[in-house]
Amino acid sequence: MGKIILNEIEVMARIGLLEEEQYAPQDLRVSLELSYNFENIRETDDISLGIDYCDVVKAVREFCASYDGKTLERFAHLLSLELRHTFSLDHLKLTVDKPRYTKKLGLREIRVEVEH
């Protein structure tokens, strides 16, 4: 068992409760910990036996580009299910940061985390 960690993938998604958020995509940062058995790729160095980071980033960005919803909780849940299914992961930890309103609310960060 091993992990691939991808921190702060920069994406744009239409997400939020406010009217302005529902019409214009906003910046989000998605971080992932992908756990799976990478014994085969470790032994052979053949990427076709493992998970290509570029494919993961592309899948995250495609999901975000087509997403239209209100809450980070649902966004994180649906994205994690999509990634677990697409990449046959044993375990996934996903965090989503929404930096747009942190200063306005006097916060350092707004983050949702899910594990599957």
PDB file of N, CA and C in Angstrom:
ATOM      1  N   MET A   1       0.853  -1.185   0.000  1.00  0.00           N
ATOM      2  CA  MET A   1       0.000   0.000   0.000  1.00  0.00           C
ATOM      3  C   MET A   1       0.890   1.236   0.000  1.00  0.00           C
ATOM      4  N   GLY A   2       0.478   2.224  -0.754  1.00  0.00           N
ATOM      5  CA  GLY A   2       1.202   3.480  -0.795  1.00  0.00           C
ATOM      6  C   GLY A   2       0.248   4.626  -1.059  1.00  0.00           C
ATOM      7  N   LYS A   3       0.787   5.843  -1.038  1.00  0.00           N
ATOM      8  CA  LYS A   3      -0.031   7.031  -1.243  1.00  0.00           C
ATOM      9  C   LYS A   3       0.589   7.918  -2.309  1.00  0.00           C
ATOM     10  N   ILE A   4      -0.280   8.544  -3.056  1.00  0.00           N
ATOM     11  CA  ILE A   4       0.095   9.666  -3.908  1.00  0.00           C
ATOM     12  C   ILE A   4      -0.572  10.883  -3.273  1.00  0.00           C
ATOM     13  N   ILE A   5       0.190  11.934  -3.048  1.00  0.00           N
ATOM     14  CA  ILE A   5      -0.353  13.149  -2.449  1.00  0.00           C
ATOM     15  C   ILE A   5      -0.224  14.280  -3.469  1.00  0.00           C
ATOM     16  N   LEU A   6      -1.361  14.882  -3.796  1.00  0.00           N
ATOM     17  CA  LEU A   6      -1.412  16.011  -4.725  1.00  0.00           C
ATOM     18  C   LEU A   6      -2.010  17.193  -3.962  1.00  0.00           C
ATOM     19  N   ASN A   7      -1.206  18.204  -3.697  1.00  0.00           N
ATOM     20  CA  ASN A   7      -1.644  19.341  -2.886  1.00  0.00           C
ATOM     21  C   ASN A   7      -2.049  20.540  -3.722  1.00  0.00           C
ATOM     22  N   GLU A   8      -3.213  21.047  -3.399  1.00  0.00           N
ATOM     23  CA  GLU A   8      -3.721  22.312  -3.913  1.00  0.00           C
ATOM     24  C   GLU A   8      -3.768  22.396  -5.440  1.00  0.00           C
ATOM     25  N   ILE A   9      -4.513  21.474  -6.035  1.00  0.00           N
ATOM     26  CA  ILE A   9      -4.793  21.549  -7.465  1.00  0.00           C
ATOM     27  C   ILE A   9      -5.702  22.760  -7.665  1.00  0.00           C
ATOM     28  N   GLU A  10      -5.273  23.703  -8.469  1.00  0.00           N
ATOM     29  CA  GLU A  10      -6.060  24.911  -8.687  1.00  0.00           C
ATOM     30  C   GLU A  10      -7.120  24.646  -9.738  1.00  0.00           C
ATOM     31  N   VAL A  11      -8.386  24.896  -9.354  1.00  0.00           N
ATOM     32  CA  VAL A  11      -9.515  24.643 -10.247  1.00  0.00           C
ATOM     33  C   VAL A  11     -10.503  25.804 -10.167  1.00  0.00           C
ATOM     34  N   MET A  12     -11.423  25.800 -11.109  1.00  0.00           N
ATOM     35  CA  MET A  12     -12.530  26.756 -11.118  1.00  0.00           C
ATOM     36  C   MET A  12     -13.818  25.947 -11.101  1.00  0.00           C
ATOM     37  N   ALA A  13     -14.773  26.381 -10.269  1.00  0.00           N
ATOM     38  CA  ALA A  13     -16.066  25.689 -10.200  1.00  0.00           C
ATOM     39  C   ALA A  13     -17.165  26.688  -9.864  1.00  0.00           C
ATOM     40  N   ARG A  14     -18.336  26.385 -10.367  1.00  0.00           N
ATOM     41  CA  ARG A  14     -19.515  27.190 -10.044  1.00  0.00           C
ATOM     42  C   ARG A  14     -20.123  26.569  -8.785  1.00  0.00           C
ATOM     43  N   ILE A  15     -19.911  27.244  -7.648  1.00  0.00           N
ATOM     44  CA  ILE A  15     -20.355  26.683  -6.380  1.00  0.00           C
ATOM     45  C   ILE A  15     -20.621  27.811  -5.392  1.00  0.00           C
ATOM     46  N   GLY A  16     -21.708  27.692  -4.658  1.00  0.00           N
ATOM     47  CA  GLY A  16     -21.981  28.674  -3.624  1.00  0.00           C
ATOM     48  C   GLY A  16     -23.458  28.945  -3.440  1.00  0.00           C
ATOM     49  N   LEU A  17     -23.742  29.604  -2.328  1.00  0.00           N
ATOM     50  CA  LEU A  17     -25.120  29.953  -1.978  1.00  0.00           C
ATOM     51  C   LEU A  17     -25.523  31.338  -2.481  1.00  0.00           C
ATOM     52  N   LEU A  18     -24.545  32.223  -2.599  1.00  0.00           N
ATOM     53  CA  LEU A  18     -24.840  33.583  -3.033  1.00  0.00           C
ATOM     54  C   LEU A  18     -25.086  33.625  -4.533  1.00  0.00           C
ATOM     55  N   GLU A  19     -25.933  34.550  -4.959  1.00  0.00           N
ATOM     56  CA  GLU A  19     -26.271  34.674  -6.377  1.00  0.00           C
ATOM     57  C   GLU A  19     -25.020  34.888  -7.240  1.00  0.00           C
ATOM     58  N   GLU A  20     -24.106  35.718  -6.759  1.00  0.00           N
ATOM     59  CA  GLU A  20     -22.885  35.984  -7.528  1.00  0.00           C
ATOM     60  C   GLU A  20     -22.030  34.721  -7.700  1.00  0.00           C
ATOM     61  N   GLU A  21     -22.089  33.811  -6.731  1.00  0.00           N
ATOM     62  CA  GLU A  21     -21.322  32.567  -6.817  1.00  0.00           C
ATOM     63  C   GLU A  21     -21.936  31.587  -7.807  1.00  0.00           C
ATOM     64  N   GLN A  22     -23.236  31.666  -7.985  1.00  0.00           N
ATOM     65  CA  GLN A  22     -23.925  30.717  -8.847  1.00  0.00           C
ATOM     66  C   GLN A  22     -23.758  31.034 -10.332  1.00  0.00           C
ATOM     67  N   TYR A  23     -23.335  32.247 -10.657  1.00  0.00           N
ATOM     68  CA  TYR A  23     -23.198  32.629 -12.056  1.00  0.00           C
ATOM     69  C   TYR A  23     -21.762  32.612 -12.576  1.00  0.00           C
ATOM     70  N   ALA A  24     -20.815  32.829 -11.682  1.00  0.00           N
ATOM     71  CA  ALA A  24     -19.422  32.902 -12.128  1.00  0.00           C
ATOM     72  C   ALA A  24     -18.578  31.860 -11.395  1.00  0.00           C
ATOM     73  N   PRO A  25     -17.844  31.063 -12.121  1.00  0.00           N
ATOM     74  CA  PRO A  25     -16.948  30.101 -11.466  1.00  0.00           C
ATOM     75  C   PRO A  25     -15.945  30.824 -10.564  1.00  0.00           C
ATOM     76  N   GLN A  26     -15.560  30.170  -9.496  1.00  0.00           N
ATOM     77  CA  GLN A  26     -14.587  30.750  -8.583  1.00  0.00           C
ATOM     78  C   GLN A  26     -13.455  29.765  -8.307  1.00  0.00           C
ATOM     79  N   ASP A  27     -12.364  30.307  -7.812  1.00  0.00           N
ATOM     80  CA  ASP A  27     -11.193  29.496  -7.502  1.00  0.00           C
ATOM     81  C   ASP A  27     -11.457  28.578  -6.314  1.00  0.00           C
ATOM     82  N   LEU A  28     -11.029  27.342  -6.467  1.00  0.00           N
ATOM     83  CA  LEU A  28     -10.986  26.378  -5.373  1.00  0.00           C
ATOM     84  C   LEU A  28      -9.623  25.706  -5.428  1.00  0.00           C
ATOM     85  N   ARG A  29      -9.221  25.123  -4.321  1.00  0.00           N
ATOM     86  CA  ARG A  29      -8.005  24.312  -4.287  1.00  0.00           C
ATOM     87  C   ARG A  29      -8.374  22.940  -3.759  1.00  0.00           C
ATOM     88  N   VAL A  30      -8.075  21.914  -4.540  1.00  0.00           N
ATOM     89  CA  VAL A  30      -8.394  20.536  -4.179  1.00  0.00           C
ATOM     90  C   VAL A  30      -7.089  19.805  -3.867  1.00  0.00           C
ATOM     91  N   SER A  31      -7.035  19.173  -2.699  1.00  0.00           N
ATOM     92  CA  SER A  31      -5.882  18.366  -2.315  1.00  0.00           C
ATOM     93  C   SER A  31      -6.330  16.928  -2.131  1.00  0.00           C
ATOM     94  N   LEU A  32      -5.463  15.994  -2.528  1.00  0.00           N
ATOM     95  CA  LEU A  32      -5.812  14.576  -2.518  1.00  0.00           C
ATOM     96  C   LEU A  32      -4.714  13.733  -1.890  1.00  0.00           C
ATOM     97  N   GLU A  33      -5.136  12.704  -1.165  1.00  0.00           N
ATOM     98  CA  GLU A  33      -4.267  11.609  -0.755  1.00  0.00           C
ATOM     99  C   GLU A  33      -4.896  10.352  -1.322  1.00  0.00           C
ATOM    100  N   LEU A  34      -4.260   9.770  -2.320  1.00  0.00           N
ATOM    101  CA  LEU A  34      -4.767   8.587  -3.002  1.00  0.00           C
ATOM    102  C   LEU A  34      -4.002   7.370  -2.496  1.00  0.00           C
ATOM    103  N   SER A  35      -4.700   6.432  -1.883  1.00  0.00           N
ATOM    104  CA  SER A  35      -4.056   5.220  -1.378  1.00  0.00           C
ATOM    105  C   SER A  35      -4.432   4.029  -2.246  1.00  0.00           C
ATOM    106  N   TYR A  36      -3.407   3.294  -2.660  1.00  0.00           N
ATOM    107  CA  TYR A  36      -3.641   2.082  -3.432  1.00  0.00           C
ATOM    108  C   TYR A  36      -2.383   1.218  -3.373  1.00  0.00           C
ATOM    109  N   ASN A  37      -2.522  -0.017  -3.788  1.00  0.00           N
ATOM    110  CA  ASN A  37      -1.396  -0.937  -3.790  1.00  0.00           C
ATOM    111  C   ASN A  37      -0.554  -0.677  -5.035  1.00  0.00           C
ATOM    112  N   PHE A  38       0.622  -0.082  -4.845  1.00  0.00           N
ATOM    113  CA  PHE A  38       1.445   0.157  -6.020  1.00  0.00           C
ATOM    114  C   PHE A  38       2.678  -0.745  -6.075  1.00  0.00           C
ATOM    115  N   GLU A  39       2.491  -1.961  -5.602  1.00  0.00           N
ATOM    116  CA  GLU A  39       3.570  -2.944  -5.652  1.00  0.00           C
ATOM    117  C   GLU A  39       3.998  -3.231  -7.097  1.00  0.00           C
ATOM    118  N   ASN A  40       3.032  -3.395  -8.004  1.00  0.00           N
ATOM    119  CA  ASN A  40       3.374  -3.708  -9.401  1.00  0.00           C
ATOM    120  C   ASN A  40       4.180  -2.609 -10.066  1.00  0.00           C
ATOM    121  N   ILE A  41       3.775  -1.369  -9.900  1.00  0.00           N
ATOM    122  CA  ILE A  41       4.522  -0.267 -10.526  1.00  0.00           C
ATOM    123  C   ILE A  41       5.878  -0.084  -9.841  1.00  0.00           C
ATOM    124  N   ARG A  42       5.923  -0.330  -8.544  1.00  0.00           N
ATOM    125  CA  ARG A  42       7.185  -0.215  -7.817  1.00  0.00           C
ATOM    126  C   ARG A  42       8.213  -1.218  -8.345  1.00  0.00           C
ATOM    127  N   GLU A  43       7.733  -2.405  -8.666  1.00  0.00           N
ATOM    128  CA  GLU A  43       8.629  -3.461  -9.133  1.00  0.00           C
ATOM    129  C   GLU A  43       9.018  -3.301 -10.605  1.00  0.00           C
ATOM    130  N   THR A  44       8.116  -2.815 -11.435  1.00  0.00           N
ATOM    131  CA  THR A  44       8.356  -2.780 -12.884  1.00  0.00           C
ATOM    132  C   THR A  44       8.690  -1.395 -13.431  1.00  0.00           C
ATOM    133  N   ASP A  45       8.285  -0.346 -12.710  1.00  0.00           N
ATOM    134  CA  ASP A  45       8.444   1.037 -13.162  1.00  0.00           C
ATOM    135  C   ASP A  45       7.608   1.315 -14.410  1.00  0.00           C
ATOM    136  N   ASP A  46       6.536   0.548 -14.595  1.00  0.00           N
ATOM    137  CA  ASP A  46       5.637   0.681 -15.743  1.00  0.00           C
ATOM    138  C   ASP A  46       4.413   1.490 -15.323  1.00  0.00           C
ATOM    139  N   ILE A  47       4.299   2.709 -15.805  1.00  0.00           N
ATOM    140  CA  ILE A  47       3.210   3.612 -15.406  1.00  0.00           C
ATOM    141  C   ILE A  47       1.836   3.043 -15.717  1.00  0.00           C
ATOM    142  N   SER A  48       1.723   2.193 -16.706  1.00  0.00           N
ATOM    143  CA  SER A  48       0.416   1.624 -17.042  1.00  0.00           C
ATOM    144  C   SER A  48      -0.118   0.736 -15.909  1.00  0.00           C
ATOM    145  N   LEU A  49       0.730   0.363 -14.977  1.00  0.00           N
ATOM    146  CA  LEU A  49       0.310  -0.462 -13.830  1.00  0.00           C
ATOM    147  C   LEU A  49      -0.025   0.384 -12.611  1.00  0.00           C
ATOM    148  N   GLY A  50       0.045   1.688 -12.768  1.00  0.00           N
ATOM    149  CA  GLY A  50      -0.212   2.579 -11.637  1.00  0.00           C
ATOM    150  C   GLY A  50      -1.179   3.684 -11.994  1.00  0.00           C
ATOM    151  N   ILE A  51      -1.119   4.732 -11.230  1.00  0.00           N
ATOM    152  CA  ILE A  51      -1.978   5.896 -11.431  1.00  0.00           C
ATOM    153  C   ILE A  51      -1.106   7.048 -11.916  1.00  0.00           C
ATOM    154  N   ASP A  52      -1.477   7.609 -13.039  1.00  0.00           N
ATOM    155  CA  ASP A  52      -0.754   8.741 -13.605  1.00  0.00           C
ATOM    156  C   ASP A  52      -1.300  10.025 -12.979  1.00  0.00           C
ATOM    157  N   TYR A  53      -0.435  10.803 -12.343  1.00  0.00           N
ATOM    158  CA  TYR A  53      -0.867  12.041 -11.675  1.00  0.00           C
ATOM    159  C   TYR A  53      -1.592  12.967 -12.643  1.00  0.00           C
ATOM    160  N   CYS A  54      -1.100  13.031 -13.875  1.00  0.00           N
ATOM    161  CA  CYS A  54      -1.724  13.917 -14.870  1.00  0.00           C
ATOM    162  C   CYS A  54      -3.170  13.523 -15.132  1.00  0.00           C
ATOM    163  N   ASP A  55      -3.453  12.224 -15.149  1.00  0.00           N
ATOM    164  CA  ASP A  55      -4.826  11.755 -15.346  1.00  0.00           C
ATOM    165  C   ASP A  55      -5.719  12.157 -14.172  1.00  0.00           C
ATOM    166  N   VAL A  56      -5.169  12.115 -12.971  1.00  0.00           N
ATOM    167  CA  VAL A  56      -5.941  12.503 -11.781  1.00  0.00           C
ATOM    168  C   VAL A  56      -6.263  13.994 -11.834  1.00  0.00           C
ATOM    169  N   VAL A  57      -5.265  14.804 -12.116  1.00  0.00           N
ATOM    170  CA  VAL A  57      -5.476  16.259 -12.190  1.00  0.00           C
ATOM    171  C   VAL A  57      -6.487  16.583 -13.287  1.00  0.00           C
ATOM    172  N   LYS A  58      -6.368  15.927 -14.425  1.00  0.00           N
ATOM    173  CA  LYS A  58      -7.327  16.146 -15.525  1.00  0.00           C
ATOM    174  C   LYS A  58      -8.744  15.775 -15.101  1.00  0.00           C
ATOM    175  N   ALA A  59      -8.904  14.654 -14.403  1.00  0.00           N
ATOM    176  CA  ALA A  59     -10.235  14.224 -13.938  1.00  0.00           C
ATOM    177  C   ALA A  59     -10.822  15.226 -12.949  1.00  0.00           C
ATOM    178  N   VAL A  60      -9.998  15.753 -12.059  1.00  0.00           N
ATOM    179  CA  VAL A  60     -10.458  16.754 -11.085  1.00  0.00           C
ATOM    180  C   VAL A  60     -10.920  18.005 -11.823  1.00  0.00           C
ATOM    181  N   ARG A  61     -10.123  18.471 -12.760  1.00  0.00           N
ATOM    182  CA  ARG A  61     -10.471  19.701 -13.488  1.00  0.00           C
ATOM    183  C   ARG A  61     -11.722  19.524 -14.342  1.00  0.00           C
ATOM    184  N   GLU A  62     -11.882  18.368 -14.972  1.00  0.00           N
ATOM    185  CA  GLU A  62     -13.089  18.112 -15.772  1.00  0.00           C
ATOM    186  C   GLU A  62     -14.335  18.078 -14.895  1.00  0.00           C
ATOM    187  N   PHE A  63     -14.236  17.440 -13.737  1.00  0.00           N
ATOM    188  CA  PHE A  63     -15.362  17.410 -12.813  1.00  0.00           C
ATOM    189  C   PHE A  63     -15.737  18.835 -12.393  1.00  0.00           C
ATOM    190  N   CYS A  64     -14.734  19.619 -12.031  1.00  0.00           N
ATOM    191  CA  CYS A  64     -14.974  20.983 -11.558  1.00  0.00           C
ATOM    192  C   CYS A  64     -15.583  21.862 -12.645  1.00  0.00           C
ATOM    193  N   ALA A  65     -15.125  21.698 -13.858  1.00  0.00           N
ATOM    194  CA  ALA A  65     -15.637  22.515 -14.963  1.00  0.00           C
ATOM    195  C   ALA A  65     -17.116  22.258 -15.227  1.00  0.00           C
ATOM    196  N   SER A  66     -17.577  21.056 -14.940  1.00  0.00           N
ATOM    197  CA  SER A  66     -18.976  20.726 -15.210  1.00  0.00           C
ATOM    198  C   SER A  66     -19.860  20.821 -13.964  1.00  0.00           C
ATOM    199  N   TYR A  67     -19.268  21.100 -12.816  1.00  0.00           N
ATOM    200  CA  TYR A  67     -20.035  21.121 -11.564  1.00  0.00           C
ATOM    201  C   TYR A  67     -20.835  22.409 -11.434  1.00  0.00           C
ATOM    202  N   ASP A  68     -22.026  22.283 -10.875  1.00  0.00           N
ATOM    203  CA  ASP A  68     -22.890  23.424 -10.602  1.00  0.00           C
ATOM    204  C   ASP A  68     -23.683  23.086  -9.347  1.00  0.00           C
ATOM    205  N   GLY A  69     -23.274  23.629  -8.207  1.00  0.00           N
ATOM    206  CA  GLY A  69     -23.951  23.294  -6.963  1.00  0.00           C
ATOM    207  C   GLY A  69     -23.760  24.374  -5.911  1.00  0.00           C
ATOM    208  N   LYS A  70     -24.275  24.096  -4.728  1.00  0.00           N
ATOM    209  CA  LYS A  70     -24.280  25.112  -3.677  1.00  0.00           C
ATOM    210  C   LYS A  70     -23.271  24.875  -2.566  1.00  0.00           C
ATOM    211  N   THR A  71     -23.063  23.633  -2.152  1.00  0.00           N
ATOM    212  CA  THR A  71     -22.249  23.416  -0.961  1.00  0.00           C
ATOM    213  C   THR A  71     -20.932  22.699  -1.253  1.00  0.00           C
ATOM    214  N   LEU A  72     -19.931  23.065  -0.477  1.00  0.00           N
ATOM    215  CA  LEU A  72     -18.639  22.382  -0.567  1.00  0.00           C
ATOM    216  C   LEU A  72     -18.758  20.925  -0.133  1.00  0.00           C
ATOM    217  N   GLU A  73     -19.646  20.665   0.805  1.00  0.00           N
ATOM    218  CA  GLU A  73     -19.809  19.302   1.303  1.00  0.00           C
ATOM    219  C   GLU A  73     -20.250  18.353   0.192  1.00  0.00           C
ATOM    220  N   ARG A  74     -21.238  18.750  -0.577  1.00  0.00           N
ATOM    221  CA  ARG A  74     -21.710  17.902  -1.678  1.00  0.00           C
ATOM    222  C   ARG A  74     -20.654  17.804  -2.786  1.00  0.00           C
ATOM    223  N   PHE A  75     -20.046  18.932  -3.091  1.00  0.00           N
ATOM    224  CA  PHE A  75     -18.983  18.955  -4.089  1.00  0.00           C
ATOM    225  C   PHE A  75     -17.891  17.948  -3.727  1.00  0.00           C
ATOM    226  N   ALA A  76     -17.392  18.012  -2.497  1.00  0.00           N
ATOM    227  CA  ALA A  76     -16.315  17.125  -2.050  1.00  0.00           C
ATOM    228  C   ALA A  76     -16.756  15.664  -2.081  1.00  0.00           C
ATOM    229  N   HIS A  77     -17.966  15.408  -1.649  1.00  0.00           N
ATOM    230  CA  HIS A  77     -18.490  14.038  -1.635  1.00  0.00           C
ATOM    231  C   HIS A  77     -18.570  13.470  -3.053  1.00  0.00           C
ATOM    232  N   LEU A  78     -19.170  14.203  -3.964  1.00  0.00           N
ATOM    233  CA  LEU A  78     -19.331  13.709  -5.335  1.00  0.00           C
ATOM    234  C   LEU A  78     -17.990  13.554  -6.058  1.00  0.00           C
ATOM    235  N   LEU A  79     -17.089  14.501  -5.856  1.00  0.00           N
ATOM    236  CA  LEU A  79     -15.771  14.390  -6.481  1.00  0.00           C
ATOM    237  C   LEU A  79     -15.014  13.185  -5.938  1.00  0.00           C
ATOM    238  N   SER A  80     -15.096  12.949  -4.645  1.00  0.00           N
ATOM    239  CA  SER A  80     -14.382  11.801  -4.071  1.00  0.00           C
ATOM    240  C   SER A  80     -14.944  10.487  -4.599  1.00  0.00           C
ATOM    241  N   LEU A  81     -16.257  10.390  -4.746  1.00  0.00           N
ATOM    242  CA  LEU A  81     -16.851   9.169  -5.308  1.00  0.00           C
ATOM    243  C   LEU A  81     -16.390   8.950  -6.747  1.00  0.00           C
ATOM    244  N   GLU A  82     -16.371  10.026  -7.516  1.00  0.00           N
ATOM    245  CA  GLU A  82     -15.932   9.948  -8.917  1.00  0.00           C
ATOM    246  C   GLU A  82     -14.480   9.459  -9.007  1.00  0.00           C
ATOM    247  N   LEU A  83     -13.616  10.015  -8.190  1.00  0.00           N
ATOM    248  CA  LEU A  83     -12.203   9.631  -8.235  1.00  0.00           C
ATOM    249  C   LEU A  83     -11.983   8.200  -7.750  1.00  0.00           C
ATOM    250  N   ARG A  84     -12.685   7.798  -6.704  1.00  0.00           N
ATOM    251  CA  ARG A  84     -12.536   6.416  -6.216  1.00  0.00           C
ATOM    252  C   ARG A  84     -12.944   5.426  -7.292  1.00  0.00           C
ATOM    253  N   HIS A  85     -14.023   5.727  -7.980  1.00  0.00           N
ATOM    254  CA  HIS A  85     -14.514   4.846  -9.037  1.00  0.00           C
ATOM    255  C   HIS A  85     -13.559   4.834 -10.241  1.00  0.00           C
ATOM    256  N   THR A  86     -13.161   6.005 -10.690  1.00  0.00           N
ATOM    257  CA  THR A  86     -12.325   6.123 -11.888  1.00  0.00           C
ATOM    258  C   THR A  86     -10.957   5.473 -11.712  1.00  0.00           C
ATOM    259  N   PHE A  87     -10.369   5.621 -10.530  1.00  0.00           N
ATOM    260  CA  PHE A  87      -8.996   5.164 -10.330  1.00  0.00           C
ATOM    261  C   PHE A  87      -8.868   3.935  -9.432  1.00  0.00           C
ATOM    262  N   SER A  88      -9.972   3.308  -9.070  1.00  0.00           N
ATOM    263  CA  SER A  88      -9.965   2.082  -8.257  1.00  0.00           C
ATOM    264  C   SER A  88      -9.065   2.223  -7.030  1.00  0.00           C
ATOM    265  N   LEU A  89      -9.339   3.219  -6.236  1.00  0.00           N
ATOM    266  CA  LEU A  89      -8.532   3.508  -5.056  1.00  0.00           C
ATOM    267  C   LEU A  89      -8.987   2.689  -3.855  1.00  0.00           C
ATOM    268  N   ASP A  90      -8.049   2.343  -2.999  1.00  0.00           N
ATOM    269  CA  ASP A  90      -8.384   1.675  -1.748  1.00  0.00           C
ATOM    270  C   ASP A  90      -8.925   2.674  -0.733  1.00  0.00           C
ATOM    271  N   HIS A  91      -8.374   3.878  -0.751  1.00  0.00           N
ATOM    272  CA  HIS A  91      -8.793   4.920   0.187  1.00  0.00           C
ATOM    273  C   HIS A  91      -8.476   6.272  -0.435  1.00  0.00           C
ATOM    274  N   LEU A  92      -9.303   7.249  -0.121  1.00  0.00           N
ATOM    275  CA  LEU A  92      -9.099   8.603  -0.642  1.00  0.00           C
ATOM    276  C   LEU A  92      -9.415   9.608   0.445  1.00  0.00           C
ATOM    277  N   LYS A  93      -8.520  10.550   0.632  1.00  0.00           N
ATOM    278  CA  LYS A  93      -8.774  11.705   1.493  1.00  0.00           C
ATOM    279  C   LYS A  93      -8.742  12.922   0.582  1.00  0.00           C
ATOM    280  N   LEU A  94      -9.798  13.714   0.612  1.00  0.00           N
ATOM    281  CA  LEU A  94      -9.941  14.857  -0.282  1.00  0.00           C
ATOM    282  C   LEU A  94     -10.277  16.082   0.545  1.00  0.00           C
ATOM    283  N   THR A  95      -9.573  17.180   0.293  1.00  0.00           N
ATOM    284  CA  THR A  95      -9.913  18.447   0.934  1.00  0.00           C
ATOM    285  C   THR A  95     -10.139  19.493  -0.146  1.00  0.00           C
ATOM    286  N   VAL A  96     -11.079  20.386   0.133  1.00  0.00           N
ATOM    287  CA  VAL A  96     -11.388  21.483  -0.771  1.00  0.00           C
ATOM    288  C   VAL A  96     -11.288  22.778   0.016  1.00  0.00           C
ATOM    289  N   ASP A  97     -10.474  23.690  -0.489  1.00  0.00           N
ATOM    290  CA  ASP A  97     -10.342  25.014   0.105  1.00  0.00           C
ATOM    291  C   ASP A  97     -11.036  26.025  -0.793  1.00  0.00           C
ATOM    292  N   LYS A  98     -11.762  26.933  -0.150  1.00  0.00           N
ATOM    293  CA  LYS A  98     -12.482  27.983  -0.876  1.00  0.00           C
ATOM    294  C   LYS A  98     -11.942  29.336  -0.387  1.00  0.00           C
ATOM    295  N   PRO A  99     -10.939  29.866  -1.063  1.00  0.00           N
ATOM    296  CA  PRO A  99     -10.267  31.063  -0.548  1.00  0.00           C
ATOM    297  C   PRO A  99     -11.012  32.386  -0.742  1.00  0.00           C
ATOM    298  N   ARG A 100     -12.021  32.401  -1.570  1.00  0.00           N
ATOM    299  CA  ARG A 100     -12.647  33.668  -1.976  1.00  0.00           C
ATOM    300  C   ARG A 100     -13.167  34.517  -0.814  1.00  0.00           C
ATOM    301  N   TYR A 101     -13.766  33.912   0.186  1.00  0.00           N
ATOM    302  CA  TYR A 101     -14.425  34.688   1.239  1.00  0.00           C
ATOM    303  C   TYR A 101     -13.692  34.669   2.575  1.00  0.00           C
ATOM    304  N   THR A 102     -12.479  34.177   2.607  1.00  0.00           N
ATOM    305  CA  THR A 102     -11.785  34.074   3.889  1.00  0.00           C
ATOM    306  C   THR A 102     -11.555  35.445   4.528  1.00  0.00           C
ATOM    307  N   LYS A 103     -11.022  36.392   3.790  1.00  0.00           N
ATOM    308  CA  LYS A 103     -10.756  37.719   4.364  1.00  0.00           C
ATOM    309  C   LYS A 103     -12.046  38.423   4.761  1.00  0.00           C
ATOM    310  N   LYS A 104     -13.057  38.311   3.914  1.00  0.00           N
ATOM    311  CA  LYS A 104     -14.341  38.963   4.183  1.00  0.00           C
ATOM    312  C   LYS A 104     -14.956  38.455   5.495  1.00  0.00           C
ATOM    313  N   LEU A 105     -14.754  37.154   5.780  1.00  0.00           N
ATOM    314  CA  LEU A 105     -15.310  36.558   6.986  1.00  0.00           C
ATOM    315  C   LEU A 105     -14.335  36.566   8.164  1.00  0.00           C
ATOM    316  N   GLY A 106     -13.126  37.075   7.942  1.00  0.00           N
ATOM    317  CA  GLY A 106     -12.133  37.106   9.007  1.00  0.00           C
ATOM    318  C   GLY A 106     -11.605  35.720   9.353  1.00  0.00           C
ATOM    319  N   LEU A 107     -11.454  34.875   8.334  1.00  0.00           N
ATOM    320  CA  LEU A 107     -10.973  33.510   8.518  1.00  0.00           C
ATOM    321  C   LEU A 107      -9.644  33.314   7.821  1.00  0.00           C
ATOM    322  N   ARG A 108      -8.913  32.345   8.281  1.00  0.00           N
ATOM    323  CA  ARG A 108      -7.668  31.986   7.593  1.00  0.00           C
ATOM    324  C   ARG A 108      -7.944  31.050   6.436  1.00  0.00           C
ATOM    325  N   GLU A 109      -8.921  30.149   6.604  1.00  0.00           N
ATOM    326  CA  GLU A 109      -9.277  29.235   5.520  1.00  0.00           C
ATOM    327  C   GLU A 109     -10.693  28.712   5.694  1.00  0.00           C
ATOM    328  N   ILE A 110     -11.273  28.332   4.575  1.00  0.00           N
ATOM    329  CA  ILE A 110     -12.548  27.624   4.539  1.00  0.00           C
ATOM    330  C   ILE A 110     -12.237  26.302   3.862  1.00  0.00           C
ATOM    331  N   ARG A 111     -12.454  25.200   4.575  1.00  0.00           N
ATOM    332  CA  ARG A 111     -12.035  23.893   4.064  1.00  0.00           C
ATOM    333  C   ARG A 111     -13.066  22.813   4.436  1.00  0.00           C
ATOM    334  N   VAL A 112     -13.302  21.934   3.480  1.00  0.00           N
ATOM    335  CA  VAL A 112     -14.122  20.749   3.715  1.00  0.00           C
ATOM    336  C   VAL A 112     -13.246  19.535   3.412  1.00  0.00           C
ATOM    337  N   GLU A 113     -13.356  18.520   4.239  1.00  0.00           N
ATOM    338  CA  GLU A 113     -12.559  17.301   4.066  1.00  0.00           C
ATOM    339  C   GLU A 113     -13.460  16.092   4.119  1.00  0.00           C
ATOM    340  N   VAL A 114     -13.230  15.157   3.207  1.00  0.00           N
ATOM    341  CA  VAL A 114     -13.946  13.882   3.208  1.00  0.00           C
ATOM    342  C   VAL A 114     -12.949  12.730   3.026  1.00  0.00           C
ATOM    343  N   GLU A 115     -13.327  11.586   3.530  1.00  0.00           N
ATOM    344  CA  GLU A 115     -12.524  10.377   3.340  1.00  0.00           C
ATOM    345  C   GLU A 115     -13.449   9.239   2.935  1.00  0.00           C
ATOM    346  N   HIS A 116     -12.989   8.491   1.964  1.00  0.00           N
ATOM    347  CA  HIS A 116     -13.736   7.314   1.491  1.00  0.00           C
ATOM    348  C   HIS A 116     -12.774   6.170   1.351  1.00  0.00           C
TER     349      HIS A 116
END
